Amino acid sequence: MARLEADPDVKKWMKRHGISIPWIDGQKHQRRYVPDFIVEYSDGRRVLIEVKDPSRIDSNDVQRKRKAAEMWCKQRGMEYFIATI
């Protein structure tokens, strides 16, 4: 949150945005994924940001969620980004 507040290109950001993205887990169960932030930049870009520890980025569930989020964003003219802590 401090990074977003300090970024002069960030117009606004929200943690409680109400976005819930469907995805399928490794056992073929339907799940819902809520990204950490939605960010609007001064150039008009809207980006969903997920914050992850670098050790978890390659996990199967994180990759499944990422693919679902990228598709969801593409359909809406948005971007998806995983930020590491």
PDB file of N, CA and C in Angstrom:
ATOM      1  N   MET A   1       0.832  -1.187   0.000  1.00  0.00           N
ATOM      2  CA  MET A   1       0.000   0.000   0.000  1.00  0.00           C
ATOM      3  C   MET A   1       0.876   1.250   0.000  1.00  0.00           C
ATOM      4  N   ALA A   2       1.993   1.171   0.717  1.00  0.00           N
ATOM      5  CA  ALA A   2       2.907   2.321   0.746  1.00  0.00           C
ATOM      6  C   ALA A   2       3.468   2.599  -0.639  1.00  0.00           C
ATOM      7  N   ARG A   3       3.767   1.531  -1.396  1.00  0.00           N
ATOM      8  CA  ARG A   3       4.275   1.721  -2.774  1.00  0.00           C
ATOM      9  C   ARG A   3       3.238   2.425  -3.638  1.00  0.00           C
ATOM     10  N   LEU A   4       1.981   2.018  -3.499  1.00  0.00           N
ATOM     11  CA  LEU A   4       0.925   2.639  -4.299  1.00  0.00           C
ATOM     12  C   LEU A   4       0.752   4.104  -3.927  1.00  0.00           C
ATOM     13  N   GLU A   5       0.765   4.386  -2.634  1.00  0.00           N
ATOM     14  CA  GLU A   5       0.626   5.776  -2.171  1.00  0.00           C
ATOM     15  C   GLU A   5       1.769   6.651  -2.656  1.00  0.00           C
ATOM     16  N   ALA A   6       2.972   6.073  -2.745  1.00  0.00           N
ATOM     17  CA  ALA A   6       4.154   6.855  -3.127  1.00  0.00           C
ATOM     18  C   ALA A   6       4.318   7.004  -4.636  1.00  0.00           C
ATOM     19  N   ASP A   7       3.606   6.204  -5.409  1.00  0.00           N
ATOM     20  CA  ASP A   7       3.759   6.231  -6.867  1.00  0.00           C
ATOM     21  C   ASP A   7       2.998   7.419  -7.450  1.00  0.00           C
ATOM     22  N   PRO A   8       3.699   8.378  -8.066  1.00  0.00           N
ATOM     23  CA  PRO A   8       3.012   9.562  -8.612  1.00  0.00           C
ATOM     24  C   PRO A   8       2.107   9.242  -9.799  1.00  0.00           C
ATOM     25  N   ASP A   9       2.278   8.067 -10.412  1.00  0.00           N
ATOM     26  CA  ASP A   9       1.443   7.689 -11.550  1.00  0.00           C
ATOM     27  C   ASP A   9       0.131   7.024 -11.138  1.00  0.00           C
ATOM     28  N   VAL A  10      -0.024   6.705  -9.858  1.00  0.00           N
ATOM     29  CA  VAL A  10      -1.256   6.072  -9.374  1.00  0.00           C
ATOM     30  C   VAL A  10      -2.298   7.157  -9.115  1.00  0.00           C
ATOM     31  N   LYS A  11      -3.406   7.050  -9.833  1.00  0.00           N
ATOM     32  CA  LYS A  11      -4.506   8.001  -9.651  1.00  0.00           C
ATOM     33  C   LYS A  11      -5.341   7.597  -8.426  1.00  0.00           C
ATOM     34  N   LYS A  12      -5.667   6.287  -8.346  1.00  0.00           N
ATOM     35  CA  LYS A  12      -6.385   5.764  -7.177  1.00  0.00           C
ATOM     36  C   LYS A  12      -6.201   4.260  -7.117  1.00  0.00           C
ATOM     37  N   TRP A  13      -6.395   3.722  -5.913  1.00  0.00           N
ATOM     38  CA  TRP A  13      -6.315   2.281  -5.727  1.00  0.00           C
ATOM     39  C   TRP A  13      -7.326   1.865  -4.666  1.00  0.00           C
ATOM     40  N   MET A  14      -7.736   0.582  -4.732  1.00  0.00           N
ATOM     41  CA  MET A  14      -8.691   0.065  -3.760  1.00  0.00           C
ATOM     42  C   MET A  14      -8.295  -1.350  -3.348  1.00  0.00           C
ATOM     43  N   LYS A  15      -8.465  -1.642  -2.093  1.00  0.00           N
ATOM     44  CA  LYS A  15      -8.275  -2.989  -1.557  1.00  0.00           C
ATOM     45  C   LYS A  15      -9.612  -3.730  -1.543  1.00  0.00           C
ATOM     46  N   ARG A  16     -10.656  -3.050  -1.161  1.00  0.00           N
ATOM     47  CA  ARG A  16     -12.010  -3.633  -1.112  1.00  0.00           C
ATOM     48  C   ARG A  16     -12.758  -3.248  -2.386  1.00  0.00           C
ATOM     49  N   HIS A  17     -12.487  -3.970  -3.437  1.00  0.00           N
ATOM     50  CA  HIS A  17     -12.989  -3.616  -4.762  1.00  0.00           C
ATOM     51  C   HIS A  17     -14.167  -4.458  -5.223  1.00  0.00           C
ATOM     52  N   GLY A  18     -14.437  -5.586  -4.574  1.00  0.00           N
ATOM     53  CA  GLY A  18     -15.579  -6.423  -4.938  1.00  0.00           C
ATOM     54  C   GLY A  18     -15.356  -7.343  -6.128  1.00  0.00           C
ATOM     55  N   ILE A  19     -14.144  -7.418  -6.653  1.00  0.00           N
ATOM     56  CA  ILE A  19     -13.862  -8.294  -7.792  1.00  0.00           C
ATOM     57  C   ILE A  19     -13.591  -9.709  -7.286  1.00  0.00           C
ATOM     58  N   SER A  20     -14.262 -10.668  -7.904  1.00  0.00           N
ATOM     59  CA  SER A  20     -14.099 -12.073  -7.558  1.00  0.00           C
ATOM     60  C   SER A  20     -14.016 -12.865  -8.863  1.00  0.00           C
ATOM     61  N   ILE A  21     -12.896 -13.512  -9.099  1.00  0.00           N
ATOM     62  CA  ILE A  21     -12.624 -14.174 -10.372  1.00  0.00           C
ATOM     63  C   ILE A  21     -12.737 -15.689 -10.199  1.00  0.00           C
ATOM     64  N   PRO A  22     -13.547 -16.354 -11.036  1.00  0.00           N
ATOM     65  CA  PRO A  22     -13.643 -17.809 -10.935  1.00  0.00           C
ATOM     66  C   PRO A  22     -12.391 -18.495 -11.481  1.00  0.00           C
ATOM     67  N   TRP A  23     -12.002 -19.592 -10.841  1.00  0.00           N
ATOM     68  CA  TRP A  23     -10.879 -20.403 -11.314  1.00  0.00           C
ATOM     69  C   TRP A  23     -11.099 -21.840 -10.881  1.00  0.00           C
ATOM     70  N   ILE A  24     -10.363 -22.772 -11.489  1.00  0.00           N
ATOM     71  CA  ILE A  24     -10.495 -24.199 -11.197  1.00  0.00           C
ATOM     72  C   ILE A  24      -9.223 -24.669 -10.510  1.00  0.00           C
ATOM     73  N   ASP A  25      -9.366 -25.286  -9.328  1.00  0.00           N
ATOM     74  CA  ASP A  25      -8.181 -25.756  -8.607  1.00  0.00           C
ATOM     75  C   ASP A  25      -7.698 -27.098  -9.161  1.00  0.00           C
ATOM     76  N   GLY A  26      -6.633 -27.636  -8.571  1.00  0.00           N
ATOM     77  CA  GLY A  26      -6.023 -28.866  -9.041  1.00  0.00           C
ATOM     78  C   GLY A  26      -6.911 -30.094  -8.946  1.00  0.00           C
ATOM     79  N   GLN A  27      -7.946 -30.030  -8.100  1.00  0.00           N
ATOM     80  CA  GLN A  27      -8.891 -31.134  -7.972  1.00  0.00           C
ATOM     81  C   GLN A  27     -10.151 -30.893  -8.810  1.00  0.00           C
ATOM     82  N   LYS A  28     -10.063 -29.930  -9.724  1.00  0.00           N
ATOM     83  CA  LYS A  28     -11.166 -29.596 -10.646  1.00  0.00           C
ATOM     84  C   LYS A  28     -12.374 -28.986  -9.944  1.00  0.00           C
ATOM     85  N   HIS A  29     -12.139 -28.335  -8.785  1.00  0.00           N
ATOM     86  CA  HIS A  29     -13.227 -27.655  -8.079  1.00  0.00           C
ATOM     87  C   HIS A  29     -13.257 -26.179  -8.482  1.00  0.00           C
ATOM     88  N   GLN A  30     -14.463 -25.661  -8.659  1.00  0.00           N
ATOM     89  CA  GLN A  30     -14.653 -24.240  -8.951  1.00  0.00           C
ATOM     90  C   GLN A  30     -14.352 -23.434  -7.695  1.00  0.00           C
ATOM     91  N   ARG A  31     -13.524 -22.433  -7.817  1.00  0.00           N
ATOM     92  CA  ARG A  31     -13.162 -21.576  -6.689  1.00  0.00           C
ATOM     93  C   ARG A  31     -13.340 -20.120  -7.109  1.00  0.00           C
ATOM     94  N   ARG A  32     -13.217 -19.214  -6.148  1.00  0.00           N
ATOM     95  CA  ARG A  32     -13.271 -17.765  -6.402  1.00  0.00           C
ATOM     96  C   ARG A  32     -11.992 -17.149  -5.875  1.00  0.00           C
ATOM     97  N   TYR A  33     -11.458 -16.209  -6.616  1.00  0.00           N
ATOM     98  CA  TYR A  33     -10.196 -15.566  -6.284  1.00  0.00           C
ATOM     99  C   TYR A  33     -10.408 -14.057  -6.217  1.00  0.00           C
ATOM    100  N   VAL A  34      -9.989 -13.441  -5.120  1.00  0.00           N
ATOM    101  CA  VAL A  34     -10.108 -11.995  -4.944  1.00  0.00           C
ATOM    102  C   VAL A  34      -8.696 -11.393  -4.954  1.00  0.00           C
ATOM    103  N   PRO A  35      -8.338 -10.685  -6.026  1.00  0.00           N
ATOM    104  CA  PRO A  35      -7.008 -10.058  -6.092  1.00  0.00           C
ATOM    105  C   PRO A  35      -6.843  -9.020  -4.983  1.00  0.00           C
ATOM    106  N   ASP A  36      -5.591  -8.739  -4.630  1.00  0.00           N
ATOM    107  CA  ASP A  36      -5.317  -7.828  -3.522  1.00  0.00           C
ATOM    108  C   ASP A  36      -5.735  -6.386  -3.796  1.00  0.00           C
ATOM    109  N   PHE A  37      -5.447  -5.875  -4.987  1.00  0.00           N
ATOM    110  CA  PHE A  37      -5.717  -4.464  -5.280  1.00  0.00           C
ATOM    111  C   PHE A  37      -6.182  -4.273  -6.718  1.00  0.00           C
ATOM    112  N   ILE A  38      -6.978  -3.227  -6.918  1.00  0.00           N
ATOM    113  CA  ILE A  38      -7.203  -2.694  -8.255  1.00  0.00           C
ATOM    114  C   ILE A  38      -6.612  -1.285  -8.240  1.00  0.00           C
ATOM    115  N   VAL A  39      -5.859  -0.981  -9.285  1.00  0.00           N
ATOM    116  CA  VAL A  39      -5.153   0.297  -9.353  1.00  0.00           C
ATOM    117  C   VAL A  39      -5.500   0.985 -10.664  1.00  0.00           C
ATOM    118  N   GLU A  40      -5.800   2.276 -10.579  1.00  0.00           N
ATOM    119  CA  GLU A  40      -6.002   3.083 -11.772  1.00  0.00           C
ATOM    120  C   GLU A  40      -4.848   4.073 -11.858  1.00  0.00           C
ATOM    121  N   TYR A  41      -4.190   4.067 -13.013  1.00  0.00           N
ATOM    122  CA  TYR A  41      -3.050   4.954 -13.228  1.00  0.00           C
ATOM    123  C   TYR A  41      -3.485   6.215 -13.961  1.00  0.00           C
ATOM    124  N   SER A  42      -2.668   7.236 -13.878  1.00  0.00           N
ATOM    125  CA  SER A  42      -3.008   8.527 -14.486  1.00  0.00           C
ATOM    126  C   SER A  42      -3.126   8.433 -16.008  1.00  0.00           C
ATOM    127  N   ASP A  43      -2.507   7.422 -16.622  1.00  0.00           N
ATOM    128  CA  ASP A  43      -2.632   7.257 -18.078  1.00  0.00           C
ATOM    129  C   ASP A  43      -3.885   6.463 -18.473  1.00  0.00           C
ATOM    130  N   GLY A  44      -4.717   6.108 -17.471  1.00  0.00           N
ATOM    131  CA  GLY A  44      -5.973   5.411 -17.733  1.00  0.00           C
ATOM    132  C   GLY A  44      -5.917   3.902 -17.583  1.00  0.00           C
ATOM    133  N   ARG A  45      -4.733   3.334 -17.460  1.00  0.00           N
ATOM    134  CA  ARG A  45      -4.629   1.885 -17.282  1.00  0.00           C
ATOM    135  C   ARG A  45      -5.252   1.468 -15.964  1.00  0.00           C
ATOM    136  N   ARG A  46      -5.931   0.299 -15.996  1.00  0.00           N
ATOM    137  CA  ARG A  46      -6.452  -0.306 -14.777  1.00  0.00           C
ATOM    138  C   ARG A  46      -5.773  -1.659 -14.622  1.00  0.00           C
ATOM    139  N   VAL A  47      -5.220  -1.892 -13.448  1.00  0.00           N
ATOM    140  CA  VAL A  47      -4.412  -3.084 -13.211  1.00  0.00           C
ATOM    141  C   VAL A  47      -4.856  -3.769 -11.925  1.00  0.00           C
ATOM    142  N   LEU A  48      -5.064  -5.089 -12.009  1.00  0.00           N
ATOM    143  CA  LEU A  48      -5.265  -5.884 -10.806  1.00  0.00           C
ATOM    144  C   LEU A  48      -3.883  -6.307 -10.330  1.00  0.00           C
ATOM    145  N   ILE A  49      -3.623  -6.114  -9.050  1.00  0.00           N
ATOM    146  CA  ILE A  49      -2.327  -6.464  -8.489  1.00  0.00           C
ATOM    147  C   ILE A  49      -2.512  -7.492  -7.383  1.00  0.00           C
ATOM    148  N   GLU A  50      -1.725  -8.550  -7.476  1.00  0.00           N
ATOM    149  CA  GLU A  50      -1.674  -9.593  -6.454  1.00  0.00           C
ATOM    150  C   GLU A  50      -0.288  -9.549  -5.831  1.00  0.00           C
ATOM    151  N   VAL A  51      -0.222  -9.532  -4.518  1.00  0.00           N
ATOM    152  CA  VAL A  51       1.057  -9.508  -3.797  1.00  0.00           C
ATOM    153  C   VAL A  51       1.351 -10.919  -3.309  1.00  0.00           C
ATOM    154  N   LYS A  52       2.528 -11.425  -3.651  1.00  0.00           N
ATOM    155  CA  LYS A  52       2.920 -12.779  -3.265  1.00  0.00           C
ATOM    156  C   LYS A  52       4.363 -12.803  -2.789  1.00  0.00           C
ATOM    157  N   ASP A  53       4.631 -13.706  -1.880  1.00  0.00           N
ATOM    158  CA  ASP A  53       5.999 -14.017  -1.507  1.00  0.00           C
ATOM    159  C   ASP A  53       6.644 -14.710  -2.711  1.00  0.00           C
ATOM    160  N   PRO A  54       7.883 -14.367  -3.065  1.00  0.00           N
ATOM    161  CA  PRO A  54       8.514 -14.978  -4.241  1.00  0.00           C
ATOM    162  C   PRO A  54       8.544 -16.505  -4.199  1.00  0.00           C
ATOM    163  N   SER A  55       8.586 -17.091  -3.024  1.00  0.00           N
ATOM    164  CA  SER A  55       8.646 -18.547  -2.917  1.00  0.00           C
ATOM    165  C   SER A  55       7.344 -19.226  -3.331  1.00  0.00           C
ATOM    166  N   ARG A  56       6.255 -18.470  -3.446  1.00  0.00           N
ATOM    167  CA  ARG A  56       4.947 -19.055  -3.786  1.00  0.00           C
ATOM    168  C   ARG A  56       4.528 -18.832  -5.231  1.00  0.00           C
ATOM    169  N   ILE A  57       5.253 -18.010  -5.957  1.00  0.00           N
ATOM    170  CA  ILE A  57       4.838 -17.638  -7.315  1.00  0.00           C
ATOM    171  C   ILE A  57       4.686 -18.839  -8.242  1.00  0.00           C
ATOM    172  N   ASP A  58       5.535 -19.828  -8.097  1.00  0.00           N
ATOM    173  CA  ASP A  58       5.496 -20.976  -9.005  1.00  0.00           C
ATOM    174  C   ASP A  58       4.538 -22.086  -8.578  1.00  0.00           C
ATOM    175  N   SER A  59       3.810 -21.889  -7.489  1.00  0.00           N
ATOM    176  CA  SER A  59       2.882 -22.939  -7.053  1.00  0.00           C
ATOM    177  C   SER A  59       1.753 -23.110  -8.074  1.00  0.00           C
ATOM    178  N   ASN A  60       1.242 -24.334  -8.149  1.00  0.00           N
ATOM    179  CA  ASN A  60       0.189 -24.629  -9.126  1.00  0.00           C
ATOM    180  C   ASN A  60      -1.036 -23.752  -8.935  1.00  0.00           C
ATOM    181  N   ASP A  61      -1.487 -23.573  -7.690  1.00  0.00           N
ATOM    182  CA  ASP A  61      -2.675 -22.756  -7.460  1.00  0.00           C
ATOM    183  C   ASP A  61      -2.450 -21.308  -7.855  1.00  0.00           C
ATOM    184  N   VAL A  62      -1.294 -20.749  -7.532  1.00  0.00           N
ATOM    185  CA  VAL A  62      -1.007 -19.363  -7.919  1.00  0.00           C
ATOM    186  C   VAL A  62      -1.004 -19.236  -9.436  1.00  0.00           C
ATOM    187  N   GLN A  63      -0.440 -20.198 -10.136  1.00  0.00           N
ATOM    188  CA  GLN A  63      -0.417 -20.149 -11.599  1.00  0.00           C
ATOM    189  C   GLN A  63      -1.810 -20.299 -12.194  1.00  0.00           C
ATOM    190  N   ARG A  64      -2.639 -21.135 -11.599  1.00  0.00           N
ATOM    191  CA  ARG A  64      -4.027 -21.266 -12.080  1.00  0.00           C
ATOM    192  C   ARG A  64      -4.801 -19.962 -11.867  1.00  0.00           C
ATOM    193  N   LYS A  65      -4.637 -19.370 -10.697  1.00  0.00           N
ATOM    194  CA  LYS A  65      -5.298 -18.088 -10.426  1.00  0.00           C
ATOM    195  C   LYS A  65      -4.796 -17.018 -11.382  1.00  0.00           C
ATOM    196  N   ARG A  66      -3.483 -16.999 -11.636  1.00  0.00           N
ATOM    197  CA  ARG A  66      -2.903 -16.009 -12.542  1.00  0.00           C
ATOM    198  C   ARG A  66      -3.512 -16.125 -13.938  1.00  0.00           C
ATOM    199  N   LYS A  67      -3.598 -17.345 -14.447  1.00  0.00           N
ATOM    200  CA  LYS A  67      -4.162 -17.542 -15.792  1.00  0.00           C
ATOM    201  C   LYS A  67      -5.619 -17.088 -15.855  1.00  0.00           C
ATOM    202  N   ALA A  68      -6.391 -17.423 -14.821  1.00  0.00           N
ATOM    203  CA  ALA A  68      -7.793 -16.998 -14.788  1.00  0.00           C
ATOM    204  C   ALA A  68      -7.896 -15.478 -14.717  1.00  0.00           C
ATOM    205  N   ALA A  69      -7.048 -14.857 -13.899  1.00  0.00           N
ATOM    206  CA  ALA A  69      -7.076 -13.396 -13.750  1.00  0.00           C
ATOM    207  C   ALA A  69      -6.634 -12.698 -15.027  1.00  0.00           C
ATOM    208  N   GLU A  70      -5.619 -13.235 -15.689  1.00  0.00           N
ATOM    209  CA  GLU A  70      -5.168 -12.626 -16.951  1.00  0.00           C
ATOM    210  C   GLU A  70      -6.269 -12.658 -18.001  1.00  0.00           C
ATOM    211  N   MET A  71      -6.983 -13.777 -18.093  1.00  0.00           N
ATOM    212  CA  MET A  71      -8.080 -13.881 -19.050  1.00  0.00           C
ATOM    213  C   MET A  71      -9.205 -12.919 -18.676  1.00  0.00           C
ATOM    214  N   TRP A  72      -9.543 -12.861 -17.390  1.00  0.00           N
ATOM    215  CA  TRP A  72     -10.597 -11.968 -16.904  1.00  0.00           C
ATOM    216  C   TRP A  72     -10.237 -10.521 -17.246  1.00  0.00           C
ATOM    217  N   CYS A  73      -9.005 -10.148 -16.995  1.00  0.00           N
ATOM    218  CA  CYS A  73      -8.554  -8.778 -17.264  1.00  0.00           C
ATOM    219  C   CYS A  73      -8.565  -8.474 -18.758  1.00  0.00           C
ATOM    220  N   LYS A  74      -8.074  -9.397 -19.552  1.00  0.00           N
ATOM    221  CA  LYS A  74      -8.024  -9.186 -21.005  1.00  0.00           C
ATOM    222  C   LYS A  74      -9.411  -8.903 -21.559  1.00  0.00           C
ATOM    223  N   GLN A  75     -10.409  -9.625 -21.065  1.00  0.00           N
ATOM    224  CA  GLN A  75     -11.786  -9.434 -21.519  1.00  0.00           C
ATOM    225  C   GLN A  75     -12.333  -8.055 -21.152  1.00  0.00           C
ATOM    226  N   ARG A  76     -11.679  -7.388 -20.204  1.00  0.00           N
ATOM    227  CA  ARG A  76     -12.155  -6.093 -19.717  1.00  0.00           C
ATOM    228  C   ARG A  76     -11.186  -4.946 -20.004  1.00  0.00           C
ATOM    229  N   GLY A  77     -10.193  -5.199 -20.835  1.00  0.00           N
ATOM    230  CA  GLY A  77      -9.222  -4.152 -21.177  1.00  0.00           C
ATOM    231  C   GLY A  77      -8.350  -3.748 -20.011  1.00  0.00           C
ATOM    232  N   MET A  78      -8.085  -4.695 -19.114  1.00  0.00           N
ATOM    233  CA  MET A  78      -7.282  -4.421 -17.933  1.00  0.00           C
ATOM    234  C   MET A  78      -5.988  -5.232 -17.987  1.00  0.00           C
ATOM    235  N   GLU A  79      -5.127  -5.015 -17.010  1.00  0.00           N
ATOM    236  CA  GLU A  79      -3.885  -5.766 -16.897  1.00  0.00           C
ATOM    237  C   GLU A  79      -3.852  -6.482 -15.546  1.00  0.00           C
ATOM    238  N   TYR A  80      -2.999  -7.503 -15.472  1.00  0.00           N
ATOM    239  CA  TYR A  80      -2.807  -8.247 -14.234  1.00  0.00           C
ATOM    240  C   TYR A  80      -1.323  -8.277 -13.924  1.00  0.00           C
ATOM    241  N   PHE A  81      -0.980  -8.096 -12.653  1.00  0.00           N
ATOM    242  CA  PHE A  81       0.420  -8.047 -12.258  1.00  0.00           C
ATOM    243  C   PHE A  81       0.602  -8.705 -10.891  1.00  0.00           C
ATOM    244  N   ILE A  82       1.629  -9.548 -10.785  1.00  0.00           N
ATOM    245  CA  ILE A  82       1.995 -10.121  -9.489  1.00  0.00           C
ATOM    246  C   ILE A  82       3.194  -9.359  -8.961  1.00  0.00           C
ATOM    247  N   ALA A  83       3.019  -8.745  -7.806  1.00  0.00           N
ATOM    248  CA  ALA A  83       4.106  -8.005  -7.147  1.00  0.00           C
ATOM    249  C   ALA A  83       4.684  -8.883  -6.041  1.00  0.00           C
ATOM    250  N   THR A  84       5.987  -8.867  -5.908  1.00  0.00           N
ATOM    251  CA  THR A  84       6.617  -9.647  -4.838  1.00  0.00           C
ATOM    252  C   THR A  84       6.984  -8.742  -3.674  1.00  0.00           C
ATOM    253  N   ILE A  85       6.996  -9.331  -2.507  1.00  0.00           N
ATOM    254  CA  ILE A  85       7.314  -8.570  -1.299  1.00  0.00           C
ATOM    255  C   ILE A  85       8.756  -8.796  -0.887  1.00  0.00           C
TER     256      ILE A  85
END
